[in-house]
Amino acid sequence: MKYLLILPIILISLCIQLPGLPFLQQSQTITEDMGSPDLFVKVEALSSSEIRPGRKVRVLVELRNKQSYELGNVDFRVYDYPCFDEDSSNEFLENCGTLRGNESCMWSWTWTSNSYVGMDRRCKIKFKVSYEASNTISQDIAVMPEYEYIERDIEEILQTFPIQSTSAEGPLDVYLTFSEPQPFLASEPDVTYEYTMYINYFNRGNGFFGDDVIITLTPPSNIDLSCEDGYTGTVTEICTGTATPCGDFYESGPCNSQTGCSWSDITSSCLGIAFSCSGIGETDCKSRDGCVWETEASSLSLNRKLKFIKGRAPQSICYFETSSAPTIDVEPFIIDVDYTYILHNSILITVKSGGIRLPESEPESEPETETCTDVPGSIGCRPRIPCVNPEENIDCYGGEPDIQCIEDNDDTYCCCYVKD
């Protein structure tokens, strides 16, 4: 009975030690997630890591949008495929168009390795993925009057003021740093506070940006921003301020100059309602007491190419003055980014030596010119067939009695013509 119990144990251990069966071999060449926060990329060759010449390989490609926003003009291109040169007439290119959030695009190609390989070759199949995307980043700008600033500083709660910001979800991260920590002091009629702002650029992925990167800055109204380093402003001109009421004028001249007001000699006062400053042109604005014509940059756009080294590009430097603020004023600084992102990668397939060397094809020769028409009375010719028996005309149209055959000097064709 003891011997019977030992036997199953031996059999079980033998089963555990059996090697994997060759026909269960899975795909060996895979590249996954090439390093873009936006796009998941999977390239898989359904073959072993080594193949024989003349064998087929099926390549599967999957692209999936990892973000909630759209990716446009998603393009996959194989640009170098050694060991598969006999398929060079094919264009290994696929465009998925626009991928919405979490949407995928999948397809496959079947390639045939070259029929002859002189020695083992490690073939690096190179491909490129590119797409277009847009992102919005925001950073709060907090401005407060001096009394509020001093009070919070004394209570040691100045730096605890809540300031919110959002970072980029895609590969291009643009963020702001300042010469002093927030909050900023609000300017006053007799005091102007100026600060320096640094715009930083960081590539969060493993790819490259195209030349068409667009960055647009939209500053809040509580600062007056100017950037001389790589940014061009979109200028906005507007009439601001509050028109002086008619009752504040005590002389006829200034009263009558204010639109909407008129001087009354009977009451010796300025009557009427002064027109508003909003929605008027520069001339009217400057003529109304209390109105101010302002020129400001509503947005600024990047006008230089970003060159990244180890993931970072040279920062841009801007300056801003704070506006007046009777209370705490917190407004968002908006940064819009548009970019094309390009990823490069490869898969390795080894093609073993061997196969059949195909003979090199000879260039096709041009057909010879039929010159038998130069013979008077000729009605046709048979190239490269000599006149075997001119008397019986067996080489000319079945030997018709009135047709005769002659040979040319090179004995390469015969001419058939009507006998005299």
Protein backbone atom coordinates (compact mmCIF):
# COMPACT_ATOMS: atom_id res chain seq x y z
CA MET A 1 0.00 0.00 0.00
CA LYS A 2 2.92 2.33 0.70
CA TYR A 3 4.26 1.86 -2.83
CA LEU A 4 0.90 2.80 -4.32
CA LEU A 5 0.87 6.10 -2.43
CA ILE A 6 4.35 7.08 -3.58
CA LEU A 7 3.61 6.61 -7.27
CA PRO A 8 1.03 9.50 -7.65
CA ILE A 9 3.43 11.91 -5.95
CA ILE A 10 6.15 11.07 -8.45
CA LEU A 11 3.75 11.56 -11.34
CA ILE A 12 2.61 14.95 -10.08
CA SER A 13 6.17 16.20 -9.72
CA LEU A 14 6.96 15.10 -13.25
CA CYS A 15 4.00 17.08 -14.58
CA ILE A 16 5.12 20.21 -12.83
CA GLN A 17 8.60 20.05 -14.34
CA LEU A 18 7.43 19.63 -17.94
CA PRO A 19 8.60 22.54 -20.19
CA GLY A 20 6.17 24.75 -22.08
CA LEU A 21 4.95 23.34 -25.36
CA PRO A 22 6.19 25.16 -28.47
CA PHE A 23 2.76 25.50 -30.05
CA LEU A 24 1.61 27.57 -27.05
CA GLN A 25 4.25 30.23 -27.71
CA GLN A 26 2.85 33.75 -27.56
CA SER A 27 3.91 36.95 -29.32
CA GLN A 28 7.41 37.98 -28.33
CA THR A 29 7.80 41.51 -29.67
CA ILE A 30 5.73 44.18 -27.91
CA THR A 31 6.07 47.91 -27.36
CA GLU A 32 3.55 49.47 -24.96
CA ASP A 33 2.80 53.01 -23.77
CA MET A 34 5.57 55.01 -25.43
CA GLY A 35 5.53 57.89 -22.93
CA SER A 36 2.71 60.30 -23.76
CA PRO A 37 0.25 61.42 -21.05
CA ASP A 38 -2.33 61.74 -23.84
CA LEU A 39 -2.02 58.57 -25.90
CA PHE A 40 -1.60 54.86 -25.13
CA VAL A 41 0.34 53.09 -27.89
CA LYS A 42 0.69 49.33 -28.28
CA VAL A 43 2.59 47.67 -31.13
CA GLU A 44 2.72 43.87 -31.15
CA ALA A 45 4.30 41.45 -33.62
CA LEU A 46 2.51 38.09 -33.58
CA SER A 47 5.58 35.93 -34.05
CA SER A 48 8.46 34.54 -32.09
CA SER A 49 11.45 36.78 -31.57
CA GLU A 50 13.20 34.92 -34.43
CA ILE A 51 11.70 34.07 -37.83
CA ARG A 52 12.92 32.42 -41.01
CA PRO A 53 13.32 34.18 -44.38
CA GLY A 54 10.13 34.35 -46.39
CA ARG A 55 7.89 33.98 -43.31
CA LYS A 56 4.90 36.21 -42.61
CA VAL A 57 4.59 38.41 -39.55
CA ARG A 58 1.34 39.98 -38.44
CA VAL A 59 1.75 43.35 -36.70
CA LEU A 60 -1.08 44.67 -34.50
CA VAL A 61 -1.33 48.37 -33.56
CA GLU A 62 -3.60 49.95 -30.97
CA LEU A 63 -3.88 53.66 -30.15
CA ARG A 64 -6.12 54.86 -27.32
CA ASN A 65 -6.87 58.36 -26.05
CA LYS A 66 -6.14 58.43 -22.31
CA GLN A 67 -7.60 61.91 -21.81
CA SER A 68 -11.12 63.35 -21.63
CA TYR A 69 -10.41 65.88 -24.39
CA GLU A 70 -10.07 65.12 -28.10
CA LEU A 71 -6.85 64.26 -29.92
CA GLY A 72 -6.85 65.32 -33.56
CA ASN A 73 -5.10 64.05 -36.69
CA VAL A 74 -3.80 60.91 -34.94
CA ASP A 75 -1.26 59.41 -37.35
CA PHE A 76 0.81 56.18 -37.23
CA ARG A 77 3.59 55.65 -39.76
CA VAL A 78 6.25 52.93 -40.21
CA TYR A 79 9.21 54.69 -41.83
CA ASP A 80 11.98 52.08 -41.67
CA TYR A 81 11.51 48.30 -41.99
CA PRO A 82 14.74 46.44 -42.82
CA CYS A 83 14.39 42.69 -43.53
CA PHE A 84 11.00 43.44 -45.06
CA ASP A 85 12.27 45.43 -48.05
CA GLU A 86 10.34 43.27 -50.51
CA ASP A 87 7.19 44.90 -49.10
CA SER A 88 8.60 48.37 -49.81
CA SER A 89 5.92 49.03 -52.41
CA ASN A 90 3.40 49.13 -49.55
CA GLU A 91 2.82 52.27 -47.52
CA PHE A 92 2.60 51.43 -43.84
CA LEU A 93 0.53 54.42 -42.77
CA GLU A 94 -2.70 54.76 -40.86
CA ASN A 95 -4.60 57.90 -39.84
CA CYS A 96 -7.21 57.55 -37.10
CA GLY A 97 -8.55 61.08 -37.54
CA THR A 98 -9.97 62.39 -34.24
CA LEU A 99 -10.03 60.24 -31.11
CA ARG A 100 -12.51 61.27 -28.44
CA GLY A 101 -11.91 60.59 -24.77
CA ASN A 102 -11.04 56.91 -24.12
CA GLU A 103 -11.65 56.07 -27.78
CA SER A 104 -9.38 53.54 -29.51
CA CYS A 105 -8.14 52.93 -33.04
CA MET A 106 -6.84 49.46 -34.01
CA TRP A 107 -5.62 47.75 -37.19
CA SER A 108 -3.07 45.18 -38.37
CA TRP A 109 -0.59 44.59 -41.19
CA THR A 110 0.91 41.36 -42.49
CA TRP A 111 4.54 41.57 -43.59
CA THR A 112 6.73 39.00 -45.32
CA SER A 113 10.42 38.85 -44.48
CA ASN A 114 12.92 38.92 -47.30
CA SER A 115 13.27 35.58 -49.10
CA TYR A 116 17.04 35.42 -48.54
CA VAL A 117 19.18 36.62 -45.65
CA GLY A 118 22.93 36.02 -45.78
CA MET A 119 23.43 36.14 -42.01
CA ASP A 120 21.27 36.56 -38.91
CA ARG A 121 19.88 40.09 -38.78
CA ARG A 122 18.37 41.99 -35.86
CA CYS A 123 15.88 44.16 -37.67
CA LYS A 124 14.70 47.32 -35.93
CA ILE A 125 11.26 48.30 -37.26
CA LYS A 126 10.97 52.06 -36.66
CA PHE A 127 7.67 53.91 -36.47
CA LYS A 128 6.33 57.34 -35.58
CA VAL A 129 3.09 58.45 -33.90
CA SER A 130 1.87 62.04 -34.05
CA TYR A 131 -1.28 63.87 -32.96
CA GLU A 132 -2.66 67.33 -32.17
CA ALA A 133 -4.17 68.47 -28.87
CA SER A 134 -5.21 71.50 -26.82
CA ASN A 135 -5.06 72.19 -23.08
CA THR A 136 -6.08 74.93 -20.67
CA ILE A 137 -4.12 75.75 -17.51
CA SER A 138 -5.11 78.28 -14.83
CA GLN A 139 -3.32 80.01 -11.96
CA ASP A 140 -5.04 82.30 -9.43
CA ILE A 141 -3.64 85.80 -8.99
CA ALA A 142 -4.46 87.26 -5.57
CA VAL A 143 -4.24 91.03 -4.99
CA MET A 144 -5.15 92.65 -1.67
CA PRO A 145 -5.00 96.17 -0.20
CA GLU A 146 -2.17 97.10 2.12
CA TYR A 147 -4.23 97.12 5.34
CA GLU A 148 -5.43 93.57 4.66
CA TYR A 149 -1.91 92.47 3.75
CA ILE A 150 -0.40 93.90 6.96
CA GLU A 151 -3.13 92.46 9.17
CA ARG A 152 -2.68 88.95 7.77
CA ASP A 153 1.08 89.25 8.00
CA ILE A 154 0.89 90.20 11.69
CA GLU A 155 -1.40 87.25 12.38
CA GLU A 156 1.00 85.01 10.40
CA ILE A 157 -1.74 83.83 8.09
CA LEU A 158 -0.62 85.67 4.98
CA GLN A 159 0.80 82.59 3.22
CA THR A 160 -2.21 80.48 4.17
CA PHE A 161 -4.41 82.41 1.79
CA PRO A 162 -6.05 79.83 -0.55
CA ILE A 163 -4.69 80.11 -4.09
CA GLN A 164 -5.78 77.55 -6.65
CA SER A 165 -4.07 76.36 -9.81
CA THR A 166 -4.43 73.59 -12.37
CA SER A 167 -1.61 71.80 -14.15
CA ALA A 168 -1.51 70.45 -17.69
CA GLU A 169 -2.95 67.01 -18.32
CA GLY A 170 -0.99 66.59 -21.56
CA PRO A 171 2.77 66.50 -22.21
CA LEU A 172 3.20 70.29 -22.40
CA ASP A 173 3.11 71.75 -18.91
CA VAL A 174 3.25 75.53 -18.63
CA TYR A 175 3.33 76.99 -15.13
CA LEU A 176 4.00 80.36 -13.50
CA THR A 177 6.44 81.38 -10.78
CA PHE A 178 6.90 84.85 -9.33
CA SER A 179 9.59 87.08 -7.84
CA GLU A 180 7.62 87.14 -4.58
CA PRO A 181 5.08 84.73 -3.11
CA GLN A 182 1.40 85.52 -3.37
CA PRO A 183 -0.70 87.43 -2.40
CA PHE A 184 0.45 90.65 -4.07
CA LEU A 185 -0.02 94.18 -2.76
CA ALA A 186 -2.59 96.23 -4.62
CA SER A 187 -1.34 99.46 -6.16
CA GLU A 188 -2.59 102.79 -4.83
CA PRO A 189 -2.91 106.22 -6.47
CA ASP A 190 0.50 107.25 -5.18
CA VAL A 191 2.19 103.83 -5.04
CA THR A 192 2.63 101.26 -7.84
CA TYR A 193 3.68 97.72 -7.07
CA GLU A 194 5.53 95.81 -9.79
CA TYR A 195 6.42 92.13 -9.83
CA THR A 196 8.29 89.72 -12.10
CA MET A 197 6.61 86.63 -13.50
CA TYR A 198 8.42 83.63 -14.99
CA ILE A 199 6.74 81.33 -17.50
CA ASN A 200 8.18 77.81 -17.30
CA TYR A 201 7.86 75.07 -19.94
CA PHE A 202 8.20 71.37 -19.23
CA ASN A 203 7.87 68.33 -21.49
CA ARG A 204 6.20 65.65 -19.35
CA GLY A 205 6.45 62.92 -22.01
CA ASN A 206 9.12 61.10 -23.99
CA GLY A 207 8.25 62.65 -27.34
CA PHE A 208 8.92 65.87 -29.22
CA PHE A 209 6.80 68.92 -29.98
CA GLY A 210 6.21 70.12 -33.53
CA ASP A 211 7.06 73.62 -34.67
CA ASP A 212 3.43 74.76 -34.37
CA VAL A 213 3.22 75.12 -30.56
CA ILE A 214 0.80 77.94 -29.70
CA ILE A 215 0.64 79.37 -26.17
CA THR A 216 -1.84 82.15 -25.39
CA LEU A 217 -1.79 84.06 -22.10
CA THR A 218 -4.97 85.75 -20.87
CA PRO A 219 -4.09 87.75 -17.75
CA PRO A 220 -6.75 88.76 -15.20
CA SER A 221 -7.97 92.31 -14.84
CA ASN A 222 -6.25 92.84 -11.48
CA ILE A 223 -2.79 93.07 -13.14
CA ASP A 224 -1.31 94.96 -16.08
CA LEU A 225 1.01 92.46 -17.84
CA SER A 226 3.82 93.08 -20.31
CA CYS A 227 6.09 90.40 -21.78
CA GLU A 228 9.06 91.32 -23.90
CA ASP A 229 10.49 87.81 -24.05
CA GLY A 230 8.84 85.84 -26.84
CA TYR A 231 5.27 87.10 -26.56
CA THR A 232 3.24 89.44 -28.74
CA GLY A 233 0.23 91.17 -27.24
CA THR A 234 -3.25 91.60 -28.62
CA VAL A 235 -4.02 95.20 -27.73
CA THR A 236 -7.44 96.22 -26.40
CA GLU A 237 -8.42 99.86 -26.12
CA ILE A 238 -11.33 100.76 -23.85
CA CYS A 239 -12.88 103.71 -22.05
CA THR A 240 -13.03 103.19 -18.30
CA GLY A 241 -13.78 105.24 -15.21
CA THR A 242 -16.90 107.02 -13.98
CA ALA A 243 -18.20 110.22 -15.54
CA THR A 244 -18.32 113.17 -13.15
CA PRO A 245 -21.97 113.90 -12.20
CA CYS A 246 -23.44 117.18 -13.42
CA GLY A 247 -24.05 118.37 -9.85
CA ASP A 248 -20.30 118.40 -9.17
CA PHE A 249 -19.75 121.28 -11.61
CA TYR A 250 -20.07 124.86 -10.28
CA GLU A 251 -19.11 126.79 -13.38
CA SER A 252 -20.83 127.00 -16.73
CA GLY A 253 -17.76 126.13 -18.84
CA PRO A 254 -16.90 122.75 -17.33
CA CYS A 255 -20.62 121.94 -16.97
CA ASN A 256 -21.45 122.48 -20.61
CA SER A 257 -18.37 120.53 -21.67
CA GLN A 258 -19.65 117.41 -19.91
CA THR A 259 -21.91 115.41 -22.25
CA GLY A 260 -25.42 115.27 -20.80
CA CYS A 261 -25.00 118.38 -18.59
CA SER A 262 -26.07 122.02 -19.11
CA TRP A 263 -25.68 125.15 -17.03
CA SER A 264 -28.79 126.92 -15.74
CA ASP A 265 -28.42 130.69 -15.21
CA ILE A 266 -31.70 130.74 -13.30
CA THR A 267 -30.56 128.29 -10.63
CA SER A 268 -26.84 128.93 -11.14
CA SER A 269 -26.27 125.20 -11.15
CA CYS A 270 -25.32 122.40 -13.52
CA LEU A 271 -28.31 120.27 -14.45
CA GLY A 272 -28.72 116.96 -16.29
CA ILE A 273 -27.32 113.44 -16.18
CA ALA A 274 -23.74 112.86 -17.29
CA PHE A 275 -23.38 110.15 -19.94
CA SER A 276 -21.57 106.93 -19.05
CA CYS A 277 -17.96 106.21 -19.96
CA SER A 278 -18.63 102.72 -21.31
CA GLY A 279 -18.98 101.92 -24.99
CA ILE A 280 -17.60 105.18 -26.40
CA GLY A 281 -14.65 106.00 -28.63
CA GLU A 282 -11.33 107.59 -27.79
CA THR A 283 -12.34 111.19 -28.66
CA ASP A 284 -15.54 111.18 -26.61
CA CYS A 285 -13.83 109.37 -23.75
CA LYS A 286 -11.07 111.93 -23.48
CA SER A 287 -13.57 114.81 -23.63
CA ARG A 288 -15.66 113.55 -20.70
CA ASP A 289 -14.55 114.43 -17.20
CA GLY A 290 -13.92 111.31 -15.09
CA CYS A 291 -13.46 108.97 -18.09
CA VAL A 292 -10.08 107.36 -18.83
CA TRP A 293 -8.95 105.90 -22.16
CA GLU A 294 -6.86 102.79 -21.48
CA THR A 295 -4.77 100.62 -23.76
CA GLU A 296 -4.11 97.13 -22.44
CA ALA A 297 -3.12 93.73 -23.74
CA SER A 298 -6.09 91.39 -23.49
CA SER A 299 -3.98 88.38 -24.48
CA LEU A 300 -0.43 87.57 -25.45
CA SER A 301 0.74 84.83 -27.83
CA LEU A 302 4.07 83.03 -27.98
CA ASN A 303 6.09 84.07 -31.03
CA ARG A 304 9.20 81.90 -30.68
CA LYS A 305 9.98 78.20 -31.03
CA LEU A 306 10.42 76.25 -27.81
CA LYS A 307 13.64 74.20 -27.71
CA PHE A 308 13.58 71.55 -24.99
CA ILE A 309 16.75 70.17 -23.43
CA LYS A 310 16.26 67.37 -20.91
CA GLY A 311 12.58 68.13 -20.80
CA ARG A 312 12.82 71.89 -20.23
CA ALA A 313 12.77 74.96 -22.47
CA PRO A 314 14.19 78.41 -21.58
CA GLN A 315 11.67 80.31 -19.49
CA SER A 316 10.03 83.58 -20.51
CA ILE A 317 10.16 86.65 -18.28
CA CYS A 318 7.24 89.06 -17.91
CA TYR A 319 6.46 92.02 -15.66
CA PHE A 320 3.18 93.21 -14.21
CA GLU A 321 1.76 95.96 -12.08
CA THR A 322 -1.13 95.28 -9.76
CA SER A 323 -4.31 97.31 -10.01
CA SER A 324 -6.06 98.99 -7.11
CA ALA A 325 -8.30 96.77 -5.01
CA PRO A 326 -10.52 97.96 -2.14
CA THR A 327 -10.87 94.33 -0.96
CA ILE A 328 -9.19 91.01 -1.68
CA ASP A 329 -9.33 90.34 -5.42
CA VAL A 330 -8.61 86.82 -6.73
CA GLU A 331 -8.86 86.17 -10.47
CA PRO A 332 -7.60 83.33 -12.70
CA PHE A 333 -4.67 83.69 -15.09
CA ILE A 334 -5.58 81.52 -18.12
CA ILE A 335 -2.99 79.74 -20.29
CA ASP A 336 -4.19 78.00 -23.47
CA VAL A 337 -1.78 75.61 -25.21
CA ASP A 338 -2.08 73.99 -28.65
CA TYR A 339 0.56 71.55 -29.85
CA THR A 340 1.53 68.66 -32.09
CA TYR A 341 3.23 65.81 -30.27
CA ILE A 342 5.50 63.26 -31.99
CA LEU A 343 6.64 59.92 -30.60
CA HIS A 344 9.30 57.59 -32.02
CA ASN A 345 9.87 53.96 -31.11
CA SER A 346 10.72 50.56 -32.59
CA ILE A 347 10.31 46.82 -32.27
CA LEU A 348 13.05 44.22 -32.84
CA ILE A 349 12.56 41.13 -35.02
CA THR A 350 15.46 38.76 -35.77
CA VAL A 351 15.46 37.10 -39.20
CA LYS A 352 17.63 33.97 -39.32
CA SER A 353 20.06 33.38 -42.17
CA GLY A 354 19.06 31.24 -45.10
CA GLY A 355 16.31 31.23 -47.67
CA ILE A 356 16.42 31.26 -51.45
CA ARG A 357 18.39 33.89 -53.31
CA LEU A 358 16.23 35.09 -56.17
CA PRO A 359 18.03 35.86 -59.44
CA GLU A 360 18.29 39.48 -60.25
CA SER A 361 15.79 40.39 -62.90
CA GLU A 362 17.23 41.65 -66.15
CA PRO A 363 15.90 44.88 -67.52
CA GLU A 364 13.33 44.36 -70.20
CA SER A 365 14.68 44.95 -73.71
CA GLU A 366 12.84 47.22 -76.03
CA PRO A 367 11.07 45.46 -78.88
CA GLU A 368 12.96 45.57 -82.16
CA THR A 369 11.71 47.86 -84.85
CA GLU A 370 10.10 46.03 -87.70
CA THR A 371 11.86 47.29 -90.79
CA CYS A 372 10.27 45.00 -93.38
CA THR A 373 7.91 47.78 -94.33
CA ASP A 374 10.92 49.39 -95.98
CA VAL A 375 10.81 46.64 -98.66
CA PRO A 376 8.64 47.74 -101.60
CA GLY A 377 5.38 45.80 -101.70
CA SER A 378 5.86 44.34 -98.20
CA ILE A 379 2.62 43.53 -96.40
CA GLY A 380 4.04 42.42 -93.06
CA CYS A 381 6.85 40.62 -91.32
CA ARG A 382 7.60 37.89 -88.85
CA PRO A 383 10.43 38.98 -86.53
CA ARG A 384 13.24 36.50 -85.70
CA ILE A 385 11.80 33.80 -87.99
CA PRO A 386 13.95 33.15 -91.09
CA CYS A 387 12.46 32.11 -94.39
CA VAL A 388 12.73 28.33 -94.15
CA ASN A 389 11.40 27.67 -97.65
CA PRO A 390 10.76 30.82 -99.64
CA GLU A 391 9.44 28.84 -102.58
CA GLU A 392 6.60 27.33 -100.58
CA ASN A 393 6.04 30.52 -98.56
CA ILE A 394 5.46 28.47 -95.41
CA ASP A 395 6.52 31.39 -93.25
CA CYS A 396 4.20 33.96 -94.77
CA TYR A 397 0.53 33.85 -93.97
CA GLY A 398 0.15 30.12 -94.40
CA GLY A 399 1.86 29.95 -97.76
CA GLU A 400 -0.54 32.01 -99.85
CA PRO A 401 0.43 31.67 -103.57
CA ASP A 402 0.85 35.36 -104.24
CA ILE A 403 2.97 36.07 -101.15
CA GLN A 404 6.70 35.59 -101.05
CA CYS A 405 9.23 35.66 -98.19
CA ILE A 406 12.71 37.19 -98.16
CA GLU A 407 15.33 37.41 -95.43
CA ASP A 408 17.04 40.54 -94.21
CA ASN A 409 20.80 40.79 -93.98
CA ASP A 410 20.93 39.90 -90.23
CA ASP A 411 18.74 36.84 -90.64
CA THR A 412 16.51 38.01 -87.79
CA TYR A 413 13.17 38.28 -89.54
CA CYS A 414 11.50 37.72 -92.84
CA CYS A 415 9.37 40.04 -94.90
CA CYS A 416 6.27 38.94 -96.71
CA TYR A 417 5.29 40.79 -99.83
CA VAL A 418 3.16 40.29 -102.94
CA LYS A 419 5.07 38.75 -105.80
CA ASP A 420 5.37 40.69 -108.97
